[in-house]
Every structure is written in structure tokens, then in C-alpha cells.
Amino acid sequence: MFRSTICAAALLAAFALPATAKTLVFCSEGNPEAINPQIVTTTTGMNAGTPIFNNLVEFMPGTTELRPALAESWTISPDGTEYVFKLRPGVKFHTTPNFAPTRPLNADDVLFSLERQWKTDHPYHNVSGARYDYFKDIGMPDILKSIDKIDDMTVRFVLTRAEAPFLANLAMDFNSVLSAEYADQLLRQGTPEKLDLEPVGTGPFQFISWQKDVMIRYRAFADYWAGRQPIETLVFSITPNPAVRLTKLKAGECHVMAFPDPHEVDRIKSDPDLRLMSQEGLNIGYLALNVTKPPLDNLKVRQAINMAIDKESILEAVYRGAGVIAKNPIPPTLWSYNDDIKPYPYDIDAARKLLAEAGISGGFTTDLWYMPVSRAYNPDGKRIAELIKTDLAKIDITVNLVTYPWEEYRAKLQNGEAPMALFGWTGDNGDPDNFLNVLLGCTAARIGGNNVAKWCNAEYDALINQAKLTSDRPQREALYRKAQEIVHAEAPWVPLAHSVVFTGARSNVLNYKMDPLGRHPFEGVSLGE
């Protein structure tokens, strides 16, 4: 049993001007694919929804430790298959020009939010073209047996089996709690898609507007259950170019910027008006090799590509040494990391020999897709792609470089269209399952899933699924270490780097904490003089 008790100003008149004292501007790295966290898979999309919503449980700021949120307490059955949550009383939803809630949060809202994603006959399941990729990739449809309303303030989850990461999964953004009352109103009005376009939550900030590719605006929620925020207005200034983000930061047009280019960190350090924050990233940047696309279905070809890429040069040229070379799908900061695995060496001759053994000594031509946005795990997708292209030319693999707008890029990758593609991941809950299952499990290899290599190995899948059945850490660790050996041997990826994550901020930003899960939370953040 766990218990806890936690205890509208004008918008910017002219966005191009420096932010005012009661307005905090965040220079974000890209346009979210949606505002509702249920229907996104990118950190950009999750960040956009974070100010608006709460979950039953949440991660303590700056950590992966759980604490109560909309549920003030919970109990877990001895066999790990039943979770009973007592909801926090008196939690209010946002009031908007189009919606005035008549009641506080209750069990109906929790059931609505989960069942929308889970049940295909739910009236909101197909709204907004939603696919609930994260909900599916993490295996929630198979885990859930029932979600029951015991009374207005009590919800019971019954699972089909014990699931060690389940509580942490409930803290992830896709399990945010929405207003069932608002959804019912929109359904009666014939505009259900507004649930995702004009979202209503219980979070510290309420949504005001979204101008695609320009900005998202939020206003502090006066009746927020954990207390009103120190700032009145929060603005996400959508700024894909890291150099432009830094220019805005230096000019005072934004207070916090995402993902400074590693080449620019010294400029931030040397400016007395700015502050550079950094931490080891819970992340992985990688090159996915789609095993359904010949000749990448040949193990020797995938191993040859691993041996032909000079990761050290990539780390120096793009990451500027701010990170470590990757050899596993999970970062060395995460428990169960298998450091005994020997990385594929950079060996052109050995790579050529493997291609010859695969029967394609004359090489081949393929496409290499690169990300159009910067991420901590991939600061410059195009530059990394160019370096890989040069490396692969040495073993007679001719590479055509391809990219698309970010939302389209991600969707095409998940649909399995790319033969080779740069991608990456920042962990969402501090559990190895969030990497090894979501990115490489058989469930996630479906069309639309986050396993963009579309690799499915029965032995590997059995190990990672077995690891979820127990909460015994040493047992789970042993299973995950074995799973890493299999994925290394099968080489569906070229793991590239685990990066240091940087954030730039104005020196007057107070109480901002970097999030190990890659989010940019602004609850409790204030501005000094």
C-alpha cells in the first residue's frame, strides 16, 4: 500500500518579442504529430501533452521513481494480477469556452481513457485515425483482462498475468486520463475529433491553441489539484533548427531550449545569461536494418554492415564525444546492461568477406533513410547518414539518402517501408522492457509498430516475455542479459551511440529539472528577475 497527500493572464501579444516575466517560452525541436498522448509515439508529441494531463501514478521530477498522482493510493494482489486504485478526491478538469465540467474526476474517466485504446468497439477507438501504437507495442491489449469501476473513486485492473513493469507503464504518457464527460458532450455534438484537437485534462496547464509548425500555447490552470503554477502562460515555440533555437535563447525569445547541437555547448557555457544542463541519456541511437528487405534478410549482410561502419568517427564528428559508442539496445546506465558482449569490430576486410560468403561480393544498392529532426540520440541525422554512406561505399554498398517530414518519416518506418533507417529511442519508464520489448519484440514488429527492423526471434521474445512475469530483479536481469546476446548475434540494428543529453536555459529559469525520460516538464518552474 502506498499513500500520498499533495497538496489567467493574457497570452503573448507579439510572439516575436522577448518573453515577459509571467510567460515561459520553450523552444521545442519539432511539431508534434498530435496533442493527445494516447495517439503519439514520439517524445515531441508526448512533451506537447504533458502540461495538460495527469496519470494515476507519475514519475517524481528528475527520476524514474513512482509517486501517486490522480490515484492517491493503491494495492497490489499477492500474485501481481490485480491492482486497486483509490482516486484522489476533488480533482477538477479544465474549463474551456466549449466545455464546463459538472463533476470532478471519477472512475468513469479512468475507464474511458484506457478502454478507448483497448476496445475496438469503443465509440472513440477509431476517432482521429488513432492507432494507439504505443498501447499495442507495450502489450497492453494482451495484459488487460478487465478494468472495473468498484465505485466512483475506486478502479480495479485485472491482468491476464503478472506484469512487472505494469505500474511504471501506467505512469507513461499514453495512459493519461481524459474527461469522459467532455468526450460524451463531443459525441452528442457530432465533433468527437475535438477530443484530440482541443484536449481537456486535469494537468497544471490548460490547452489554448496550436498553430502547426509555429507554436502551442497553454495557460496555468487556476484550480490545479497540486497548486497553481508560478508562471501564467507556457508557450512551445516550434523551432526545428538547433542553431535558430540557440539564437532565440540568447536573445531572450525563449527561456529553455531542447537539444542544443553538441558543437554549440561551449557558446552556452560562456554566456553569463545562459545555463547549460546535461546528464547521461537513457537513450540509444541506431541504424535499423529491415530484415524483411533482401538482402538485409541475410544475417551475414547485416553483420557486414555492422563491421563496415566507423562508430568512433561518428561519435567524434556528430556527437563531439558527448556520449559513448553503443553495442547493445539498452544504455549502460540501465540495469541489466550486458557489458560482456563484444562489439562488432570496425573491420572492412572482414565485412567484405562476409558479403562474399553471402553471395553478393559485387555489393548492392539500397536506400538509407535519415531523420529530418535533431534528437539527443541523433543530433544530425543527415550528417550521420553521409558518414555511413561513405563507410558502406568501401564494401561496395551504394547508398541513396532519403528523408521525409518527421511525422511521415516515422509513419513510413513503422509501416516497414525503409530498408535501412536512422532512428532512436529515449526510455519512458526506466525499465529494460521499454527498450527490449517495445523496440525489438515480436508484438512491436507488426505494421505500425516501433520495431522498425521488423525482426522477430522466438527465443528472444520468449526471454523478454518471461522477464515480465516476475518482479525478482536478479532473475529479470539474467533473462535480459541473455536476450541482448541474441539480438547482438542476429544484428537487426547497427547500434550507434548513447548520447549525453543537453538542455539550454536562461539563467533566470528556476526549479527546472532535466528529465531522465527525455521529457521537458514545466510544473513548478518559475522565472526570476
Protein backbone atom coordinates (compact mmCIF):
# COMPACT_ATOMS: atom_id res chain seq x y z
CA MET A 1 0.00 0.00 0.00
CA PHE A 2 1.29 3.44 -0.95
CA ARG A 3 -0.23 6.74 0.16
CA SER A 4 0.48 10.36 -0.51
CA THR A 5 -1.19 13.76 0.02
CA ILE A 6 -0.13 16.52 -2.42
CA CYS A 7 -1.41 19.20 -1.76
CA ALA A 8 -5.48 33.69 -16.43
CA ALA A 9 -3.23 36.06 -17.62
CA ALA A 10 -3.12 37.47 -21.17
CA LEU A 11 -1.26 35.50 -23.83
CA LEU A 12 1.75 36.88 -25.65
CA ALA A 13 0.77 39.98 -27.58
CA ALA A 14 3.57 39.56 -30.08
CA PHE A 15 5.33 36.21 -30.10
CA ALA A 16 8.48 37.51 -31.80
CA LEU A 17 9.27 39.76 -28.84
CA PRO A 18 11.22 38.53 -25.81
CA ALA A 19 9.05 36.63 -23.33
CA THR A 20 7.52 38.53 -20.40
CA ALA A 21 8.08 37.70 -16.75
CA LYS A 22 4.87 35.67 -16.40
CA THR A 23 5.36 33.80 -19.68
CA LEU A 24 7.80 30.95 -20.16
CA VAL A 25 8.73 30.05 -23.73
CA PHE A 26 10.19 26.65 -24.56
CA CYS A 27 11.96 26.31 -27.91
CA SER A 28 10.96 22.78 -28.89
CA GLU A 29 12.63 20.73 -31.58
CA GLY A 30 9.67 19.81 -33.74
CA ASN A 31 5.99 19.76 -34.48
CA PRO A 32 4.05 17.12 -32.52
CA GLU A 33 2.02 14.61 -34.51
CA ALA A 34 -0.87 15.29 -32.08
CA ILE A 35 -1.53 16.87 -28.67
CA ASN A 36 -3.22 13.85 -27.09
CA PRO A 37 -0.54 11.45 -25.73
CA GLN A 38 -2.77 8.44 -26.45
CA ILE A 39 -2.16 8.72 -30.18
CA VAL A 40 1.52 9.67 -30.38
CA THR A 41 4.77 7.71 -30.12
CA THR A 42 7.39 10.47 -30.29
CA THR A 43 8.88 12.40 -27.38
CA THR A 44 7.85 15.58 -29.21
CA GLY A 45 4.21 14.53 -29.12
CA MET A 46 4.39 13.38 -25.53
CA ASN A 47 6.00 16.65 -24.46
CA ALA A 48 3.16 18.59 -26.06
CA GLY A 49 0.57 16.72 -24.00
CA THR A 50 2.46 16.61 -20.70
CA PRO A 51 1.34 20.06 -19.41
CA ILE A 52 -2.34 19.18 -19.94
CA PHE A 53 -2.74 15.75 -18.38
CA ASN A 54 -2.08 13.61 -15.33
CA ASN A 55 -1.86 9.85 -14.84
CA LEU A 56 -2.90 7.60 -11.99
CA VAL A 57 0.75 7.46 -10.98
CA GLU A 58 3.67 9.56 -12.17
CA PHE A 59 7.44 9.75 -12.08
CA MET A 60 8.99 12.02 -9.49
CA PRO A 61 10.63 15.01 -11.22
CA GLY A 62 14.13 14.18 -12.40
CA THR A 63 13.83 10.48 -11.54
CA THR A 64 12.27 7.18 -12.62
CA GLU A 65 10.75 6.66 -9.15
CA LEU A 66 6.97 6.45 -8.96
CA ARG A 67 4.66 8.52 -6.79
CA PRO A 68 0.87 8.89 -6.50
CA ALA A 69 -0.90 11.35 -8.77
CA LEU A 70 -4.59 11.01 -9.69
CA ALA A 71 -4.58 7.85 -7.58
CA GLU A 72 -3.68 8.74 -4.02
CA SER A 73 -3.11 5.08 -3.06
CA TRP A 74 -3.17 1.57 -4.48
CA THR A 75 -2.90 -2.07 -3.51
CA ILE A 76 -1.48 -4.99 -5.48
CA SER A 77 -2.63 -8.59 -5.03
CA PRO A 78 -0.01 -11.14 -3.89
CA ASP A 79 0.02 -12.81 -7.32
CA GLY A 80 0.53 -9.47 -9.09
CA THR A 81 -2.60 -9.69 -11.26
CA GLU A 82 -4.91 -7.20 -9.51
CA TYR A 83 -4.30 -3.50 -8.90
CA VAL A 84 -6.88 -1.45 -7.00
CA PHE A 85 -6.54 2.34 -7.15
CA LYS A 86 -8.20 4.86 -4.82
CA LEU A 87 -8.67 8.10 -6.74
CA ARG A 88 -7.79 11.50 -5.35
CA PRO A 89 -10.99 13.36 -4.41
CA GLY A 90 -11.89 16.79 -5.73
CA VAL A 91 -9.64 16.79 -8.82
CA LYS A 92 -11.05 19.26 -11.35
CA PHE A 93 -10.94 19.19 -15.13
CA HIS A 94 -10.15 22.26 -17.20
CA THR A 95 -12.95 24.62 -18.15
CA THR A 96 -12.82 25.89 -21.74
CA PRO A 97 -15.03 28.15 -23.88
CA ASN A 98 -16.69 24.96 -25.17
CA PHE A 99 -16.79 22.80 -22.04
CA ALA A 100 -17.73 23.36 -18.41
CA PRO A 101 -17.29 20.21 -16.31
CA THR A 102 -20.12 19.42 -13.89
CA ARG A 103 -18.16 17.00 -11.71
CA PRO A 104 -14.61 16.25 -10.58
CA LEU A 105 -12.52 13.29 -11.73
CA ASN A 106 -14.04 9.88 -11.09
CA ALA A 107 -13.67 6.25 -12.15
CA ASP A 108 -15.57 6.81 -15.41
CA ASP A 109 -12.70 8.97 -16.68
CA VAL A 110 -10.13 6.27 -15.99
CA LEU A 111 -12.22 3.60 -17.71
CA PHE A 112 -12.87 5.85 -20.69
CA SER A 113 -9.18 6.71 -21.15
CA LEU A 114 -7.96 3.10 -21.09
CA GLU A 115 -10.89 1.47 -22.85
CA ARG A 116 -10.74 3.89 -25.77
CA GLN A 117 -7.34 2.44 -26.61
CA TRP A 118 -8.17 -1.14 -25.68
CA LYS A 119 -11.65 -1.94 -27.02
CA THR A 120 -12.14 -1.87 -30.78
CA ASP A 121 -15.92 -1.32 -30.40
CA HIS A 122 -15.44 1.75 -28.19
CA PRO A 123 -17.11 4.82 -29.79
CA TYR A 124 -13.81 6.73 -29.69
CA HIS A 125 -11.49 3.91 -30.77
CA ASN A 126 -11.36 4.98 -34.43
CA VAL A 127 -11.64 8.73 -33.89
CA SER A 128 -8.80 10.85 -35.36
CA GLY A 129 -7.47 7.82 -37.22
CA ALA A 130 -5.91 6.74 -33.92
CA ARG A 131 -3.79 3.56 -33.93
CA TYR A 132 -2.62 3.52 -30.29
CA ASP A 133 0.76 2.18 -31.39
CA TYR A 134 2.39 2.59 -28.01
CA PHE A 135 -0.50 0.94 -26.18
CA LYS A 136 -0.21 -2.02 -28.56
CA ASP A 137 3.59 -2.21 -28.71
CA ILE A 138 3.88 -2.43 -24.96
CA GLY A 139 1.39 -5.31 -24.98
CA MET A 140 -1.47 -3.68 -23.07
CA PRO A 141 -4.23 -5.45 -25.08
CA ASP A 142 -2.81 -8.83 -24.02
CA ILE A 143 -2.13 -7.81 -20.41
CA LEU A 144 -5.58 -6.41 -19.58
CA LYS A 145 -8.36 -8.79 -18.59
CA SER A 146 -10.75 -6.18 -17.19
CA ILE A 147 -10.92 -2.63 -15.85
CA ASP A 148 -13.70 -2.36 -13.27
CA LYS A 149 -15.39 0.56 -11.59
CA ILE A 150 -15.78 -0.53 -7.95
CA ASP A 151 -17.32 2.81 -7.03
CA ASP A 152 -16.92 6.41 -8.17
CA MET A 153 -13.49 6.70 -6.56
CA THR A 154 -12.15 3.15 -6.90
CA VAL A 155 -10.84 1.38 -10.03
CA ARG A 156 -9.61 -2.20 -10.30
CA PHE A 157 -7.33 -3.50 -13.04
CA VAL A 158 -7.31 -7.27 -13.51
CA LEU A 159 -4.42 -8.63 -15.58
CA THR A 160 -4.14 -11.85 -17.54
CA ARG A 161 -0.76 -12.46 -15.91
CA ALA A 162 1.69 -10.80 -13.57
CA GLU A 163 3.43 -7.91 -15.32
CA ALA A 164 6.44 -6.45 -13.52
CA PRO A 165 6.54 -3.12 -15.46
CA PHE A 166 2.76 -2.54 -15.25
CA LEU A 167 2.76 0.23 -12.64
CA ALA A 168 5.55 2.09 -14.45
CA ASN A 169 3.65 1.66 -17.72
CA LEU A 170 0.62 3.37 -16.16
CA ALA A 171 2.85 6.39 -15.49
CA MET A 172 3.70 6.73 -19.18
CA ASP A 173 2.09 9.46 -21.25
CA PHE A 174 -0.17 7.25 -23.34
CA ASN A 175 -2.05 6.35 -20.14
CA SER A 176 -3.01 9.95 -19.40
CA VAL A 177 -6.54 10.40 -18.03
CA LEU A 178 -9.03 12.31 -20.17
CA SER A 179 -12.51 13.61 -19.35
CA ALA A 180 -15.27 11.12 -20.15
CA GLU A 181 -17.84 13.88 -19.66
CA TYR A 182 -16.14 16.04 -22.30
CA ALA A 183 -15.97 13.06 -24.65
CA ASP A 184 -19.70 12.38 -24.20
CA GLN A 185 -20.53 16.01 -24.96
CA LEU A 186 -18.46 16.00 -28.14
CA LEU A 187 -20.05 12.75 -29.26
CA ARG A 188 -23.54 14.25 -28.84
CA GLN A 189 -22.43 17.32 -30.80
CA GLY A 190 -21.02 15.19 -33.62
CA THR A 191 -17.46 16.51 -33.17
CA PRO A 192 -15.57 13.69 -31.39
CA GLU A 193 -12.27 14.59 -33.06
CA LYS A 194 -12.11 17.74 -30.88
CA LEU A 195 -11.13 15.45 -28.00
CA ASP A 196 -7.70 15.21 -29.64
CA LEU A 197 -7.58 18.68 -31.23
CA GLU A 198 -8.85 20.70 -28.25
CA PRO A 199 -7.87 18.47 -25.31
CA VAL A 200 -9.16 18.77 -21.76
CA GLY A 201 -7.25 17.33 -18.82
CA THR A 202 -6.53 17.82 -15.13
CA GLY A 203 -2.92 18.98 -15.54
CA PRO A 204 -1.12 22.15 -14.40
CA PHE A 205 -1.72 23.94 -17.71
CA GLN A 206 -4.74 24.01 -19.96
CA PHE A 207 -4.53 23.97 -23.72
CA ILE A 208 -5.24 27.26 -25.53
CA SER A 209 -4.18 26.87 -29.15
CA TRP A 210 -1.89 25.08 -31.59
CA GLN A 211 -0.59 26.75 -34.73
CA LYS A 212 1.08 23.90 -36.58
CA ASP A 213 4.80 24.37 -37.20
CA VAL A 214 4.73 27.63 -35.21
CA MET A 215 3.62 27.32 -31.58
CA ILE A 216 1.47 25.72 -28.92
CA ARG A 217 0.02 27.87 -26.13
CA TYR A 218 -1.06 26.87 -22.65
CA ARG A 219 -2.38 28.81 -19.64
CA ALA A 220 -1.93 27.96 -15.97
CA PHE A 221 -4.93 26.10 -14.55
CA ALA A 222 -6.13 28.06 -11.53
CA ASP A 223 -7.79 25.03 -9.91
CA TYR A 224 -4.97 22.55 -10.41
CA TRP A 225 -5.16 19.95 -7.63
CA ALA A 226 -1.45 20.28 -6.76
CA GLY A 227 -1.50 24.10 -6.71
CA ARG A 228 -1.45 26.91 -9.23
CA GLN A 229 1.72 27.33 -11.27
CA PRO A 230 4.20 30.19 -10.74
CA ILE A 231 4.01 31.13 -14.43
CA GLU A 232 0.79 32.20 -16.13
CA THR A 233 1.48 31.27 -19.74
CA LEU A 234 3.53 28.48 -21.29
CA VAL A 235 4.44 28.58 -24.99
CA PHE A 236 6.12 25.89 -27.06
CA SER A 237 7.91 27.70 -29.90
CA ILE A 238 8.33 25.05 -32.60
CA THR A 239 11.89 25.54 -33.84
CA PRO A 240 13.40 22.52 -35.66
CA ASN A 241 16.80 24.12 -36.37
CA PRO A 242 19.08 23.91 -33.29
CA ALA A 243 21.07 26.98 -34.36
CA VAL A 244 17.86 29.03 -34.51
CA ARG A 245 16.81 27.67 -31.11
CA LEU A 246 20.09 28.88 -29.64
CA THR A 247 19.72 32.29 -31.29
CA LYS A 248 16.28 32.64 -29.71
CA LEU A 249 17.63 31.54 -26.34
CA LYS A 250 20.44 34.10 -26.43
CA ALA A 251 18.01 36.84 -27.49
CA GLY A 252 15.60 36.04 -24.66
CA GLU A 253 12.86 34.93 -27.06
CA CYS A 254 12.77 31.60 -25.28
CA HIS A 255 13.75 30.54 -21.77
CA VAL A 256 14.54 26.87 -22.33
CA MET A 257 15.73 25.13 -25.49
CA ALA A 258 15.70 21.44 -26.38
CA PHE A 259 18.71 19.55 -27.72
CA PRO A 260 21.48 22.09 -28.33
CA ASP A 261 23.85 20.97 -31.04
CA PRO A 262 26.89 19.42 -29.30
CA HIS A 263 29.04 21.81 -31.37
CA GLU A 264 27.34 24.76 -29.62
CA VAL A 265 27.64 23.77 -25.96
CA ASP A 266 30.69 25.96 -25.40
CA ARG A 267 28.75 29.00 -26.59
CA ILE A 268 26.12 28.32 -23.96
CA LYS A 269 28.70 27.74 -21.23
CA SER A 270 30.47 31.01 -22.00
CA ASP A 271 27.34 33.18 -21.93
CA PRO A 272 26.69 34.56 -18.40
CA ASP A 273 22.96 34.88 -19.17
CA LEU A 274 22.63 31.20 -20.02
CA ARG A 275 22.95 27.88 -18.23
CA LEU A 276 23.90 24.53 -19.73
CA MET A 277 22.41 21.41 -18.15
CA SER A 278 23.49 17.88 -19.04
CA GLN A 279 23.02 14.28 -17.98
CA GLU A 280 23.78 10.82 -19.29
CA GLY A 281 20.96 9.90 -21.60
CA LEU A 282 18.69 6.91 -21.12
CA ASN A 283 18.77 6.53 -24.88
CA ILE A 284 20.01 4.73 -27.97
CA GLY A 285 20.64 5.99 -31.50
CA TYR A 286 20.75 3.24 -34.09
CA LEU A 287 20.58 2.21 -37.74
CA ALA A 288 17.70 -0.23 -38.22
CA LEU A 289 18.18 -2.95 -40.85
CA ASN A 290 14.80 -4.10 -42.11
CA VAL A 291 15.08 -7.90 -42.12
CA THR A 292 12.11 -8.22 -44.50
CA LYS A 293 14.00 -6.42 -47.29
CA PRO A 294 16.54 -8.52 -49.23
CA PRO A 295 19.48 -8.69 -48.96
CA LEU A 296 19.08 -7.46 -45.37
CA ASP A 297 17.24 -10.68 -44.60
CA ASN A 298 20.68 -12.32 -44.78
CA LEU A 299 22.45 -12.38 -41.41
CA LYS A 300 25.92 -12.14 -42.98
CA VAL A 301 24.91 -8.95 -44.79
CA ARG A 302 23.69 -7.37 -41.55
CA GLN A 303 26.89 -8.38 -39.77
CA ALA A 304 28.97 -6.97 -42.63
CA ILE A 305 27.19 -3.62 -42.34
CA ASN A 306 27.89 -3.60 -38.60
CA MET A 307 31.60 -4.14 -39.28
CA ALA A 308 31.80 -1.52 -42.04
CA ILE A 309 30.57 1.47 -40.02
CA ASP A 310 33.14 3.50 -38.13
CA LYS A 311 31.18 4.41 -35.00
CA GLU A 312 34.10 6.19 -33.38
CA SER A 313 34.26 8.68 -36.25
CA ILE A 314 30.51 9.27 -35.99
CA LEU A 315 30.76 9.87 -32.24
CA GLU A 316 33.52 12.41 -32.72
CA ALA A 317 32.14 14.21 -35.79
CA VAL A 318 28.46 14.42 -34.79
CA TYR A 319 28.21 13.87 -31.04
CA ARG A 320 31.50 15.70 -30.40
CA GLY A 321 32.42 12.96 -27.96
CA ALA A 322 29.36 13.69 -25.79
CA GLY A 323 28.33 10.07 -25.39
CA VAL A 324 29.58 6.52 -25.73
CA ILE A 325 29.64 4.07 -28.61
CA ALA A 326 26.73 1.65 -28.43
CA LYS A 327 26.90 -2.14 -28.65
CA ASN A 328 23.57 -3.09 -27.03
CA PRO A 329 19.96 -1.91 -27.48
CA ILE A 330 19.88 -0.51 -23.93
CA PRO A 331 22.18 2.15 -22.46
CA PRO A 332 24.90 1.29 -19.92
CA THR A 333 23.09 3.40 -17.31
CA LEU A 334 20.15 0.96 -17.30
CA TRP A 335 20.12 -2.12 -15.07
CA SER A 336 20.64 -5.47 -16.85
CA TYR A 337 23.04 -3.93 -19.40
CA ASN A 338 25.26 -6.77 -20.67
CA ASP A 339 28.77 -5.39 -20.72
CA ASP A 340 30.25 -8.82 -21.50
CA ILE A 341 29.06 -8.60 -25.09
CA LYS A 342 31.90 -7.88 -27.51
CA PRO A 343 31.00 -5.24 -30.11
CA TYR A 344 31.40 -5.87 -33.81
CA PRO A 345 34.83 -4.52 -34.73
CA TYR A 346 35.33 -1.89 -37.40
CA ASP A 347 36.90 -4.19 -39.99
CA ILE A 348 36.47 -3.50 -43.71
CA ASP A 349 38.22 -6.69 -44.81
CA ALA A 350 36.07 -8.88 -42.58
CA ALA A 351 32.95 -7.07 -43.82
CA ARG A 352 33.93 -7.73 -47.44
CA LYS A 353 34.48 -11.41 -46.64
CA LEU A 354 31.02 -11.70 -45.07
CA LEU A 355 29.38 -10.16 -48.13
CA ALA A 356 31.24 -12.63 -50.33
CA GLU A 357 30.03 -15.50 -48.16
CA ALA A 358 26.51 -14.13 -48.59
CA GLY A 359 26.95 -14.40 -52.37
CA ILE A 360 26.93 -10.66 -53.10
CA SER A 361 30.61 -9.83 -53.42
CA GLY A 362 29.74 -7.23 -56.05
CA GLY A 363 27.85 -5.20 -53.50
CA PHE A 364 24.33 -3.80 -53.91
CA THR A 365 22.36 -0.55 -53.90
CA THR A 366 19.91 0.44 -51.20
CA ASP A 367 18.23 3.42 -49.57
CA LEU A 368 19.30 4.84 -46.23
CA TRP A 369 16.67 6.99 -44.53
CA TYR A 370 17.74 9.76 -42.16
CA MET A 371 15.79 11.72 -39.58
CA PRO A 372 14.79 15.29 -40.50
CA VAL A 373 14.81 16.47 -36.86
CA SER A 374 17.50 16.66 -34.22
CA ARG A 375 17.33 14.47 -31.15
CA ALA A 376 19.72 13.93 -28.27
CA TYR A 377 20.31 10.40 -29.55
CA ASN A 378 20.80 11.73 -33.10
CA PRO A 379 21.88 15.38 -33.22
CA ASP A 380 22.30 15.47 -37.03
CA GLY A 381 20.68 12.67 -38.99
CA LYS A 382 21.86 13.85 -42.37
CA ARG A 383 25.50 14.08 -41.30
CA ILE A 384 25.42 10.60 -39.76
CA ALA A 385 23.82 9.24 -42.94
CA GLU A 386 26.55 10.83 -45.05
CA LEU A 387 29.26 9.25 -42.91
CA ILE A 388 27.58 5.83 -43.12
CA LYS A 389 27.22 6.20 -46.88
CA THR A 390 30.96 6.81 -47.18
CA ASP A 391 31.73 3.82 -44.96
CA LEU A 392 29.46 1.43 -46.84
CA ALA A 393 30.89 2.51 -50.19
CA LYS A 394 34.14 0.88 -49.03
CA ILE A 395 32.42 -2.53 -49.21
CA ASP A 396 30.62 -1.69 -52.49
CA ILE A 397 27.25 -0.91 -50.95
CA THR A 398 25.84 2.10 -52.78
CA VAL A 399 23.52 4.17 -50.62
CA ASN A 400 20.83 6.63 -51.68
CA LEU A 401 19.95 9.08 -48.91
CA VAL A 402 16.23 9.60 -48.26
CA THR A 403 14.20 11.63 -45.78
CA TYR A 404 10.64 12.85 -45.22
CA PRO A 405 8.90 15.30 -42.88
CA TRP A 406 9.10 13.90 -39.36
CA GLU A 407 5.53 12.69 -38.96
CA GLU A 408 5.61 11.00 -42.38
CA TYR A 409 9.10 9.61 -41.75
CA ARG A 410 8.04 7.97 -38.52
CA ALA A 411 4.85 6.52 -40.00
CA LYS A 412 6.65 5.06 -43.01
CA LEU A 413 9.30 3.48 -40.80
CA GLN A 414 6.67 1.90 -38.58
CA ASN A 415 4.94 0.57 -41.69
CA GLY A 416 8.17 -1.18 -42.70
CA GLU A 417 8.89 0.83 -45.85
CA ALA A 418 12.55 1.70 -45.23
CA PRO A 419 15.33 -0.85 -45.90
CA MET A 420 17.84 0.98 -43.67
CA ALA A 421 16.86 3.86 -41.42
CA LEU A 422 18.30 6.01 -38.67
CA PHE A 423 16.10 6.04 -35.61
CA GLY A 424 16.44 6.09 -31.85
CA TRP A 425 14.73 5.96 -28.50
CA THR A 426 14.69 7.60 -25.11
CA GLY A 427 13.41 5.34 -22.34
CA ASP A 428 9.97 6.10 -20.97
CA ASN A 429 9.94 4.34 -17.62
CA GLY A 430 13.41 3.20 -16.53
CA ASP A 431 12.68 -0.48 -17.24
CA PRO A 432 14.64 -2.58 -19.79
CA ASP A 433 11.31 -3.84 -21.14
CA ASN A 434 10.73 -0.37 -22.53
CA PHE A 435 13.67 -0.89 -24.91
CA LEU A 436 13.91 -4.63 -25.44
CA ASN A 437 10.19 -5.27 -25.87
CA VAL A 438 8.93 -2.04 -27.44
CA LEU A 439 11.75 -1.77 -29.98
CA LEU A 440 12.62 -5.40 -30.75
CA GLY A 441 9.78 -7.63 -29.52
CA CYS A 442 7.60 -9.58 -31.93
CA THR A 443 4.45 -7.67 -30.95
CA ALA A 444 6.12 -4.40 -31.95
CA ALA A 445 7.24 -5.88 -35.29
CA ARG A 446 3.69 -5.52 -36.59
CA ILE A 447 2.88 -2.94 -39.27
CA GLY A 448 2.65 0.32 -37.34
CA GLY A 449 4.84 -0.95 -34.52
CA ASN A 450 8.00 0.62 -33.15
CA ASN A 451 10.13 -2.39 -34.12
CA VAL A 452 11.13 -0.74 -37.38
CA ALA A 453 13.63 -3.51 -38.24
CA LYS A 454 10.59 -5.86 -38.30
CA TRP A 455 12.78 -8.52 -36.69
CA CYS A 456 11.04 -11.26 -34.73
CA ASN A 457 13.01 -14.01 -32.98
CA ALA A 458 11.04 -16.60 -31.00
CA GLU A 459 13.80 -17.35 -28.49
CA TYR A 460 14.42 -13.66 -27.84
CA ASP A 461 10.70 -12.97 -27.50
CA ALA A 462 10.24 -15.80 -25.01
CA LEU A 463 13.03 -14.38 -22.83
CA ILE A 464 11.71 -10.82 -22.68
CA ASN A 465 8.16 -12.03 -22.04
CA GLN A 466 9.34 -14.33 -19.28
CA ALA A 467 11.16 -11.39 -17.70
CA LYS A 468 7.85 -9.53 -17.29
CA LEU A 469 6.29 -12.30 -15.25
CA THR A 470 8.40 -11.75 -12.15
CA SER A 471 9.39 -8.78 -10.03
CA ASP A 472 12.60 -10.55 -8.94
CA ARG A 473 15.32 -8.19 -10.19
CA PRO A 474 18.21 -10.71 -10.46
CA GLN A 475 16.01 -13.14 -12.39
CA ARG A 476 14.82 -10.44 -14.77
CA GLU A 477 18.38 -9.22 -15.23
CA ALA A 478 19.62 -12.68 -16.22
CA LEU A 479 16.87 -13.02 -18.82
CA TYR A 480 17.52 -9.59 -20.30
CA ARG A 481 21.27 -10.21 -20.49
CA LYS A 482 20.61 -13.40 -22.49
CA ALA A 483 18.20 -11.52 -24.76
CA GLN A 484 20.91 -8.95 -25.51
CA GLU A 485 23.22 -11.76 -26.63
CA ILE A 486 20.63 -12.92 -29.15
CA VAL A 487 19.94 -9.50 -30.61
CA HIS A 488 23.68 -8.88 -30.90
CA ALA A 489 24.19 -12.15 -32.78
CA GLU A 490 21.21 -11.54 -35.09
CA ALA A 491 22.20 -7.90 -35.83
CA PRO A 492 18.86 -6.31 -36.79
CA TRP A 493 20.43 -2.99 -35.85
CA VAL A 494 23.71 -1.20 -36.01
CA PRO A 495 23.72 0.36 -32.50
CA LEU A 496 25.48 3.71 -32.86
CA ALA A 497 25.61 5.77 -29.67
CA HIS A 498 24.19 6.56 -26.26
CA SER A 499 24.40 10.33 -26.01
CA VAL A 500 24.77 12.84 -23.26
CA VAL A 501 21.61 14.97 -23.23
CA PHE A 502 21.97 18.76 -23.11
CA THR A 503 19.40 21.44 -22.30
CA GLY A 504 19.97 25.17 -22.54
CA ALA A 505 18.18 27.67 -20.32
CA ARG A 506 18.19 31.33 -19.40
CA SER A 507 19.85 31.93 -16.04
CA ASN A 508 16.60 33.22 -14.51
CA VAL A 509 14.76 29.92 -15.01
CA LEU A 510 14.17 28.41 -11.56
CA ASN A 511 13.32 24.84 -10.48
CA TYR A 512 13.65 23.30 -13.93
CA LYS A 513 14.91 19.71 -13.69
CA MET A 514 16.16 17.62 -16.55
CA ASP A 515 14.09 14.51 -17.01
CA PRO A 516 15.92 11.18 -17.49
CA LEU A 517 12.99 10.05 -19.64
CA GLY A 518 13.54 12.81 -22.19
CA ARG A 519 10.55 14.99 -21.34
CA HIS A 520 10.55 18.72 -20.70
CA PRO A 521 8.23 19.17 -17.69
CA PHE A 522 7.38 22.69 -16.56
CA GLU A 523 5.29 22.01 -13.49
CA GLY A 524 6.67 24.11 -10.62
CA VAL A 525 9.09 26.04 -12.85
CA SER A 526 9.29 29.78 -12.26
CA LEU A 527 11.16 32.81 -13.56
CA GLY A 528 13.40 35.07 -11.51
CA GLU A 529 14.41 38.61 -12.27
